[in-house]
Amino acid sequence: MGVRGTDRPRSRSLGSAGEETDISVRQHDDDGHDGHDGHEDHAERAPRRRRRLLLISGGLALTLTAGGVAAYQSGLFSDTGGPTSFGKTEQKTAAAADIRPGVSMPTGPAAEFVRTSRLPDGTQIARTTLKGKKSGFTGDVWVWVPKEYDDPRYAKSGFPVLISLPGGRGYPKNYWGTGPALGLQQAVTDGVKEGTSLPFILVMPVINADTKHHYDGSDIPGEPKMGTWMADDVPDFTRANFRTFTDRDGWAFMGSSSGGFGAFKHVLKYPDRFKAVIASGTDFVPDSPLWRGNTRAMDENNPEKLAERLIEEGGPDVYVNFQIGTEESGRERAEQFMREYGKGPVHTRLQVIEDGQHNGKSYVRGMREGSLEWISNVMRAPTPDPAVG
């Protein structure tokens, strides 16, 4: 995927058999917490207003120069909140004969997106409300596509999808989509430039039906079908709106904490649909009180039971990457899972994040340190059209 320097600190990566390998580390000081308390007095506000006016007037002058275009693209002038779309170079009227084998062109109907963020390279995060046809659940989904998606060379190519799930309540927002400062999108962008990441489409749905309960990313009897929402409705929505791959080599999950559990569980439950997962600070068994002791339904959503069944059936192969920070608990549980179930078709790996905590900033750092390259190596890459210069 690329060559890295050797002058950086190292972090450890453990494979299924426990072998230890070195992966170069990039240090990040930001832990993802916002310390601003929202309070300031009148004396502080006046200089701030003057500085804002100076910034605005300077920005207007900047538009008169060639640099003004770059300033607009980098978000100096906010264009959030307006309607937007993806796939400007797509050949939507292309004949079936022009579609490459294994590529699924957008099937429609097209969703209505509202731009919520713009990154320095001009790419955007947008939100839409999805009414799940199979689950019956309605919730928001955020999407980011890499710059390569609108490159004419890739207009007929599919792109790999990384369904990204948040921790906590995961409703009504998904912090991977609403918090670009966490760095997930930038990590993919930088990885593409360095040859250590595929240009993933990031699809970021809510994972719970309300703010009161955890649904374990599952179809709990008598409750909203959050498992069907993530395993069926979200992929169907993605295929309707984006160029994707028809086989599971183009579909993966990532998630943190409770979202890591949902991501982890879905890959083991539907190995014919999804190939790999990055599960950070994850839970290992369903623990929502909404199960009310329904053991059979819980077992159908228990990663340990699912891995055991997959091993007995002999496949298909799935790839599980755990991420655990040294400042959080859970490493022993991950290593136990790897010892007991990391065999046969279940391929496991552990990314140890030095000084990493139980938060998104740490997990993105772990992805930069090796997990993003690892998942890129097992997923399908988009291919350019040799006829397009």
Protein backbone atom coordinates (compact mmCIF):
# COMPACT_ATOMS: atom_id res chain seq x y z
CA MET A 1 0.00 0.00 0.00
CA GLY A 2 2.93 2.34 0.53
CA VAL A 3 6.23 2.90 2.30
CA ARG A 4 6.47 4.62 5.66
CA GLY A 5 9.40 6.22 7.41
CA THR A 6 11.11 4.55 10.33
CA ASP A 7 11.82 7.66 12.42
CA ARG A 8 8.47 7.65 14.21
CA PRO A 9 7.50 5.95 17.49
CA ARG A 10 6.02 2.51 17.09
CA SER A 11 2.80 0.85 18.15
CA ARG A 12 2.03 -2.84 18.22
CA SER A 13 -0.24 -4.95 16.09
CA LEU A 14 -1.08 -8.51 17.05
CA GLY A 15 -2.30 -11.11 14.59
CA SER A 16 -4.51 -14.13 15.20
CA ALA A 17 -1.60 -16.20 16.42
CA GLY A 18 -0.34 -13.37 18.62
CA GLU A 19 2.64 -12.39 16.45
CA GLU A 20 3.78 -8.85 17.09
CA THR A 21 4.53 -6.50 14.22
CA ASP A 22 5.60 -2.87 14.10
CA ILE A 23 3.41 -0.16 12.64
CA SER A 24 4.55 3.45 12.50
CA VAL A 25 2.76 5.93 14.72
CA ARG A 26 1.67 9.49 14.24
CA GLN A 27 1.16 11.47 17.38
CA HIS A 28 -1.97 13.54 17.90
CA ASP A 29 -2.30 15.86 20.90
CA ASP A 30 -6.04 16.42 20.51
CA ASP A 31 -8.12 13.94 22.50
CA GLY A 32 -11.41 14.91 20.85
CA HIS A 33 -12.84 16.75 23.84
CA ASP A 34 -14.18 20.30 23.40
CA GLY A 35 -13.20 22.43 26.37
CA HIS A 36 -15.14 25.54 25.32
CA ASP A 37 -17.80 26.28 27.92
CA GLY A 38 -19.75 28.83 25.86
CA HIS A 39 -19.28 31.74 28.34
CA GLU A 40 -17.67 35.10 27.59
CA ASP A 41 -18.31 38.60 28.90
CA HIS A 42 -19.14 41.79 26.98
CA ALA A 43 -15.55 43.04 27.03
CA GLU A 44 -14.41 39.84 25.30
CA ARG A 45 -17.24 39.86 22.74
CA ALA A 46 -16.47 43.31 21.29
CA PRO A 47 -12.90 42.45 20.17
CA ARG A 48 -14.23 39.15 18.83
CA ARG A 49 -16.79 41.01 16.70
CA ARG A 50 -14.08 43.30 15.36
CA ARG A 51 -11.88 40.32 14.54
CA ARG A 52 -14.79 38.63 12.75
CA LEU A 53 -15.45 41.77 10.70
CA LEU A 54 -11.78 41.97 9.77
CA LEU A 55 -11.84 38.31 8.78
CA ILE A 56 -14.94 38.80 6.64
CA SER A 57 -13.60 41.91 4.92
CA GLY A 58 -10.28 40.20 4.36
CA GLY A 59 -12.08 37.19 2.97
CA LEU A 60 -14.04 39.34 0.52
CA ALA A 61 -10.85 40.88 -0.72
CA LEU A 62 -9.38 37.46 -1.06
CA THR A 63 -12.07 36.45 -3.54
CA LEU A 64 -10.65 39.05 -5.94
CA THR A 65 -7.49 36.99 -6.17
CA ALA A 66 -6.78 33.52 -7.43
CA GLY A 67 -6.53 32.39 -3.82
CA GLY A 68 -10.17 33.26 -3.26
CA VAL A 69 -11.28 30.09 -5.01
CA ALA A 70 -9.21 27.97 -2.66
CA ALA A 71 -10.55 29.91 0.32
CA TYR A 72 -14.11 29.15 -0.72
CA GLN A 73 -13.35 25.47 -1.28
CA SER A 74 -11.69 25.22 2.12
CA GLY A 75 -14.80 26.51 3.85
CA LEU A 76 -13.93 30.14 4.64
CA PHE A 77 -17.34 30.97 3.19
CA SER A 78 -19.77 28.46 4.62
CA ASP A 79 -22.05 26.76 2.11
CA THR A 80 -23.57 24.34 4.59
CA GLY A 81 -27.29 23.86 4.99
CA GLY A 82 -28.10 23.86 1.29
CA PRO A 83 -29.19 21.01 -0.96
CA THR A 84 -26.44 19.04 -2.63
CA SER A 85 -25.75 15.86 -4.57
CA PHE A 86 -22.93 13.45 -5.34
CA GLY A 87 -21.61 11.82 -8.50
CA LYS A 88 -21.27 14.78 -10.83
CA THR A 89 -19.18 12.79 -13.31
CA GLU A 90 -21.43 9.77 -13.29
CA GLN A 91 -22.60 8.52 -16.67
CA LYS A 92 -26.13 7.79 -15.56
CA THR A 93 -27.34 7.13 -19.09
CA ALA A 94 -24.56 4.68 -19.91
CA ALA A 95 -25.65 1.54 -21.67
CA ALA A 96 -25.62 -1.67 -19.69
CA ALA A 97 -22.74 -2.87 -21.86
CA ASP A 98 -20.60 0.00 -20.52
CA ILE A 99 -20.99 -1.05 -16.89
CA ARG A 100 -18.04 -3.07 -15.67
CA PRO A 101 -18.53 -6.53 -14.21
CA GLY A 102 -18.92 -6.35 -10.46
CA VAL A 103 -19.92 -2.69 -10.46
CA SER A 104 -23.37 -1.52 -9.39
CA MET A 105 -24.38 1.87 -10.77
CA PRO A 106 -26.85 3.90 -8.66
CA THR A 107 -30.25 2.27 -8.87
CA GLY A 108 -32.27 5.19 -7.48
CA PRO A 109 -34.42 6.76 -6.36
CA ALA A 110 -31.96 9.52 -5.49
CA ALA A 111 -32.07 10.76 -1.91
CA GLU A 112 -32.36 14.44 -1.02
CA PHE A 113 -29.14 15.53 0.68
CA VAL A 114 -28.35 18.62 2.72
CA ARG A 115 -24.69 19.62 3.00
CA THR A 116 -23.54 19.71 6.64
CA SER A 117 -19.75 20.15 6.31
CA ARG A 118 -17.08 20.81 3.74
CA LEU A 119 -13.50 19.59 4.07
CA PRO A 120 -10.39 21.52 2.97
CA ASP A 121 -10.10 19.51 -0.26
CA GLY A 122 -13.64 20.50 -1.29
CA THR A 123 -15.28 17.18 -0.42
CA GLN A 124 -18.46 17.37 1.59
CA ILE A 125 -20.45 15.58 4.26
CA ALA A 126 -24.19 15.56 3.64
CA ARG A 127 -27.21 14.31 5.53
CA THR A 128 -30.47 12.74 4.45
CA THR A 129 -33.41 11.13 6.21
CA LEU A 130 -33.89 7.49 5.34
CA LYS A 131 -37.22 5.73 5.67
CA GLY A 132 -36.24 2.09 5.96
CA LYS A 133 -38.45 -0.06 3.77
CA LYS A 134 -37.46 -3.32 5.45
CA SER A 135 -37.07 -2.19 9.06
CA GLY A 136 -39.83 0.40 9.12
CA PHE A 137 -37.47 2.71 11.02
CA THR A 138 -36.80 6.30 9.95
CA GLY A 139 -33.55 8.00 10.87
CA ASP A 140 -30.77 10.22 9.55
CA VAL A 141 -27.75 9.08 7.56
CA TRP A 142 -24.61 11.12 6.83
CA VAL A 143 -22.43 10.41 3.79
CA TRP A 144 -18.96 11.44 2.67
CA VAL A 145 -17.39 10.46 -0.63
CA PRO A 146 -13.68 10.88 -1.43
CA LYS A 147 -12.42 13.24 -4.09
CA GLU A 148 -11.69 10.30 -6.39
CA TYR A 149 -15.41 9.57 -6.66
CA ASP A 150 -15.88 12.60 -8.92
CA ASP A 151 -12.71 11.96 -10.91
CA PRO A 152 -13.72 11.17 -14.54
CA ARG A 153 -11.25 8.28 -14.55
CA TYR A 154 -13.43 6.46 -12.00
CA ALA A 155 -16.84 7.34 -13.44
CA LYS A 156 -17.51 3.69 -14.29
CA SER A 157 -15.84 2.16 -11.25
CA GLY A 158 -17.40 1.02 -8.01
CA PHE A 159 -16.10 2.24 -4.65
CA PRO A 160 -15.71 0.35 -1.37
CA VAL A 161 -18.14 1.30 1.39
CA LEU A 162 -17.26 1.66 5.07
CA ILE A 163 -20.42 1.85 7.19
CA SER A 164 -19.29 3.83 10.24
CA LEU A 165 -21.15 3.51 13.54
CA PRO A 166 -20.82 5.74 16.61
CA GLY A 167 -20.79 4.81 20.27
CA GLY A 168 -23.03 6.12 23.00
CA ARG A 169 -26.68 6.62 22.17
CA GLY A 170 -25.94 7.06 18.47
CA TYR A 171 -29.21 8.97 18.08
CA PRO A 172 -30.30 11.40 16.72
CA LYS A 173 -26.77 11.97 15.40
CA ASN A 174 -23.79 9.96 14.29
CA TYR A 175 -20.65 11.71 15.54
CA TRP A 176 -18.53 10.38 12.66
CA GLY A 177 -20.71 12.46 10.35
CA THR A 178 -21.50 15.45 12.54
CA GLY A 179 -17.98 15.77 13.92
CA PRO A 180 -15.50 15.93 11.03
CA ALA A 181 -12.97 17.31 13.52
CA LEU A 182 -12.61 13.75 14.81
CA GLY A 183 -10.59 13.23 11.63
CA LEU A 184 -12.12 10.11 10.09
CA GLN A 185 -12.64 11.66 6.66
CA GLN A 186 -9.22 13.32 6.74
CA ALA A 187 -7.59 10.04 7.72
CA VAL A 188 -9.02 8.40 4.60
CA THR A 189 -8.02 11.38 2.46
CA ASP A 190 -4.46 11.35 3.78
CA GLY A 191 -4.26 7.58 3.46
CA VAL A 192 -5.26 7.72 -0.20
CA LYS A 193 -2.50 10.25 -0.87
CA GLU A 194 0.05 8.10 0.95
CA GLY A 195 -1.08 4.84 -0.63
CA THR A 196 -2.17 3.37 2.71
CA SER A 197 -5.95 3.59 2.30
CA LEU A 198 -8.57 2.93 -0.30
CA PRO A 199 -10.90 5.85 -1.15
CA PHE A 200 -13.82 4.59 0.93
CA ILE A 201 -17.33 5.96 0.76
CA LEU A 202 -18.23 6.62 4.40
CA VAL A 203 -21.89 5.96 5.26
CA MET A 204 -22.76 7.04 8.80
CA PRO A 205 -26.25 6.13 10.05
CA VAL A 206 -27.75 6.48 13.51
CA ILE A 207 -27.63 3.20 15.40
CA ASN A 208 -30.38 3.55 18.00
CA ALA A 209 -34.07 4.40 17.77
CA ASP A 210 -34.15 6.94 20.60
CA THR A 211 -32.04 8.46 23.37
CA LYS A 212 -33.44 6.26 26.13
CA HIS A 213 -32.32 2.77 25.19
CA HIS A 214 -29.53 0.79 23.57
CA TYR A 215 -30.79 -1.60 20.92
CA ASP A 216 -27.50 -3.45 20.41
CA GLY A 217 -27.76 -2.81 16.66
CA SER A 218 -30.23 -5.69 16.61
CA ASP A 219 -33.81 -6.70 15.92
CA ILE A 220 -34.88 -7.09 19.53
CA PRO A 221 -38.33 -8.71 19.63
CA GLY A 222 -41.04 -6.08 20.02
CA GLU A 223 -38.63 -3.18 19.43
CA PRO A 224 -37.55 -1.12 16.38
CA LYS A 225 -35.59 -3.30 13.97
CA MET A 226 -32.21 -1.61 14.20
CA GLY A 227 -30.41 -4.71 12.92
CA THR A 228 -32.44 -4.73 9.72
CA TRP A 229 -31.94 -0.97 9.44
CA MET A 230 -28.14 -1.35 9.37
CA ALA A 231 -27.81 -4.67 7.54
CA ASP A 232 -30.47 -4.08 4.86
CA ASP A 233 -31.85 -0.55 4.63
CA VAL A 234 -28.54 1.33 4.88
CA PRO A 235 -26.80 -0.81 2.20
CA ASP A 236 -29.90 -0.58 -0.03
CA PHE A 237 -29.84 3.21 0.35
CA THR A 238 -26.14 3.26 -0.51
CA ARG A 239 -26.65 1.18 -3.65
CA ALA A 240 -29.50 3.46 -4.68
CA ASN A 241 -27.30 6.56 -4.56
CA PHE A 242 -23.70 5.54 -5.25
CA ARG A 243 -21.46 3.44 -7.46
CA THR A 244 -20.62 0.41 -5.39
CA PHE A 245 -19.44 -3.17 -5.82
CA THR A 246 -21.85 -6.05 -6.18
CA ASP A 247 -19.92 -8.45 -3.98
CA ARG A 248 -18.97 -8.35 -0.32
CA ASP A 249 -15.37 -7.40 -1.14
CA GLY A 250 -16.64 -3.83 -1.39
CA TRP A 251 -18.55 -3.71 1.92
CA ALA A 252 -17.18 -3.27 5.44
CA PHE A 253 -18.02 -1.78 8.83
CA MET A 254 -16.22 0.27 11.43
CA GLY A 255 -17.50 1.43 14.79
CA SER A 256 -16.58 2.40 18.33
CA SER A 257 -17.89 1.18 21.67
CA SER A 258 -21.54 0.13 21.22
CA GLY A 259 -21.14 0.97 17.54
CA GLY A 260 -18.13 -1.31 17.46
CA PHE A 261 -20.34 -4.09 18.75
CA GLY A 262 -22.92 -3.46 16.03
CA ALA A 263 -20.23 -3.35 13.35
CA PHE A 264 -18.45 -6.43 14.67
CA LYS A 265 -21.67 -8.41 15.02
CA HIS A 266 -22.97 -7.62 11.53
CA VAL A 267 -19.84 -8.86 9.78
CA LEU A 268 -20.03 -12.17 11.65
CA LYS A 269 -23.79 -12.47 11.17
CA TYR A 270 -23.79 -11.65 7.46
CA PRO A 271 -20.43 -12.82 6.12
CA ASP A 272 -21.97 -13.20 2.67
CA ARG A 273 -22.63 -9.42 2.60
CA PHE A 274 -19.76 -7.84 4.55
CA LYS A 275 -16.11 -8.81 4.56
CA ALA A 276 -14.28 -6.84 7.25
CA VAL A 277 -14.64 -4.63 10.31
CA ILE A 278 -12.64 -2.27 12.49
CA ALA A 279 -14.16 -2.57 15.98
CA SER A 280 -12.82 -0.06 18.50
CA GLY A 281 -13.34 -0.29 22.26
CA THR A 282 -16.09 -2.74 21.48
CA ASP A 283 -18.52 -4.74 23.57
CA PHE A 284 -18.48 -8.50 22.99
CA VAL A 285 -21.95 -9.72 23.94
CA PRO A 286 -25.46 -8.22 23.60
CA ASP A 287 -26.33 -6.54 26.89
CA SER A 288 -29.39 -4.36 26.31
CA PRO A 289 -32.04 -4.81 29.03
CA LEU A 290 -34.59 -4.76 26.21
CA TRP A 291 -33.77 -8.39 25.46
CA ARG A 292 -35.63 -9.31 28.65
CA GLY A 293 -33.92 -12.69 28.84
CA ASN A 294 -34.77 -13.71 25.26
CA THR A 295 -31.80 -16.06 25.00
CA ARG A 296 -32.50 -17.37 21.52
CA ALA A 297 -32.71 -13.90 20.00
CA MET A 298 -29.63 -12.79 21.92
CA ASP A 299 -27.63 -15.77 20.66
CA GLU A 300 -28.49 -14.79 17.09
CA ASN A 301 -26.73 -11.48 17.77
CA ASN A 302 -23.86 -12.68 19.94
CA PRO A 303 -20.45 -12.35 18.21
CA GLU A 304 -19.06 -15.34 20.08
CA LYS A 305 -21.94 -17.59 18.99
CA LEU A 306 -21.78 -16.22 15.46
CA ALA A 307 -18.02 -16.78 15.20
CA GLU A 308 -18.42 -20.31 16.50
CA ARG A 309 -21.04 -21.05 13.86
CA LEU A 310 -18.95 -19.52 11.10
CA ILE A 311 -15.98 -21.67 12.07
CA GLU A 312 -18.16 -24.79 12.06
CA GLU A 313 -19.51 -23.91 8.61
CA GLY A 314 -16.03 -23.25 7.26
CA GLY A 315 -16.57 -19.73 5.98
CA PRO A 316 -16.71 -17.45 4.18
CA ASP A 317 -13.61 -15.70 5.48
CA VAL A 318 -14.12 -12.53 7.49
CA TYR A 319 -11.54 -10.08 8.83
CA VAL A 320 -11.87 -8.50 12.29
CA ASN A 321 -9.57 -5.72 13.50
CA PHE A 322 -9.92 -4.75 17.17
CA GLN A 323 -8.62 -1.39 18.38
CA ILE A 324 -7.94 -0.89 22.09
CA GLY A 325 -6.21 2.06 23.75
CA THR A 326 -3.77 1.47 26.58
CA GLU A 327 -5.77 3.92 28.73
CA GLU A 328 -9.02 1.93 28.49
CA SER A 329 -10.20 -1.52 29.47
CA GLY A 330 -11.12 -4.31 27.07
CA ARG A 331 -7.79 -5.60 25.80
CA GLU A 332 -7.99 -8.85 27.73
CA ARG A 333 -11.45 -9.52 26.35
CA ALA A 334 -10.29 -8.85 22.79
CA GLU A 335 -7.30 -11.15 23.20
CA GLN A 336 -9.52 -13.86 24.66
CA PHE A 337 -11.83 -13.64 21.64
CA MET A 338 -8.82 -13.85 19.34
CA ARG A 339 -7.51 -16.97 21.09
CA GLU A 340 -10.86 -18.76 21.07
CA TYR A 341 -12.33 -17.68 17.74
CA GLY A 342 -9.47 -16.25 15.67
CA LYS A 343 -9.07 -19.34 13.54
CA GLY A 344 -10.33 -20.90 10.34
CA PRO A 345 -12.36 -18.33 8.43
CA VAL A 346 -12.27 -15.78 11.29
CA HIS A 347 -9.13 -13.69 10.86
CA THR A 348 -8.40 -11.37 13.78
CA ARG A 349 -5.94 -8.59 14.53
CA LEU A 350 -5.39 -6.18 17.44
CA GLN A 351 -4.26 -2.58 17.05
CA VAL A 352 -2.92 -1.35 20.38
CA ILE A 353 -3.14 2.45 20.60
CA GLU A 354 -0.47 3.77 22.93
CA ASP A 355 -2.00 6.27 25.40
CA GLY A 356 -5.29 5.78 23.56
CA GLN A 357 -8.53 6.46 25.41
CA HIS A 358 -12.13 5.43 24.87
CA ASN A 359 -12.95 8.13 22.30
CA GLY A 360 -13.13 8.80 18.58
CA LYS A 361 -9.90 10.78 18.37
CA SER A 362 -7.90 7.87 19.73
CA TYR A 363 -9.60 5.40 17.41
CA VAL A 364 -8.93 7.51 14.33
CA ARG A 365 -5.29 7.67 15.41
CA GLY A 366 -5.28 3.88 15.56
CA MET A 367 -6.72 3.77 12.07
CA ARG A 368 -3.90 5.99 10.85
CA GLU A 369 -1.36 3.82 12.64
CA GLY A 370 -2.32 0.67 10.82
CA SER A 371 -5.97 -0.35 10.90
CA LEU A 372 -6.96 1.65 7.84
CA GLU A 373 -4.15 0.12 5.82
CA TRP A 374 -5.07 -3.34 7.11
CA ILE A 375 -8.72 -3.09 6.04
CA SER A 376 -7.71 -1.58 2.70
CA ASN A 377 -5.57 -4.62 1.99
CA VAL A 378 -8.54 -6.99 2.27
CA MET A 379 -11.12 -4.85 0.42
CA ARG A 380 -11.71 -4.24 -3.26
CA ALA A 381 -10.19 -1.11 -4.81
CA PRO A 382 -11.73 1.14 -7.46
CA THR A 383 -10.01 0.98 -10.83
CA PRO A 384 -9.48 3.85 -13.26
CA ASP A 385 -10.67 3.76 -16.85
CA PRO A 386 -7.54 3.47 -19.05
CA ALA A 387 -9.39 5.26 -21.84
CA VAL A 388 -9.76 8.43 -19.74
CA GLY A 389 -6.68 10.63 -19.42
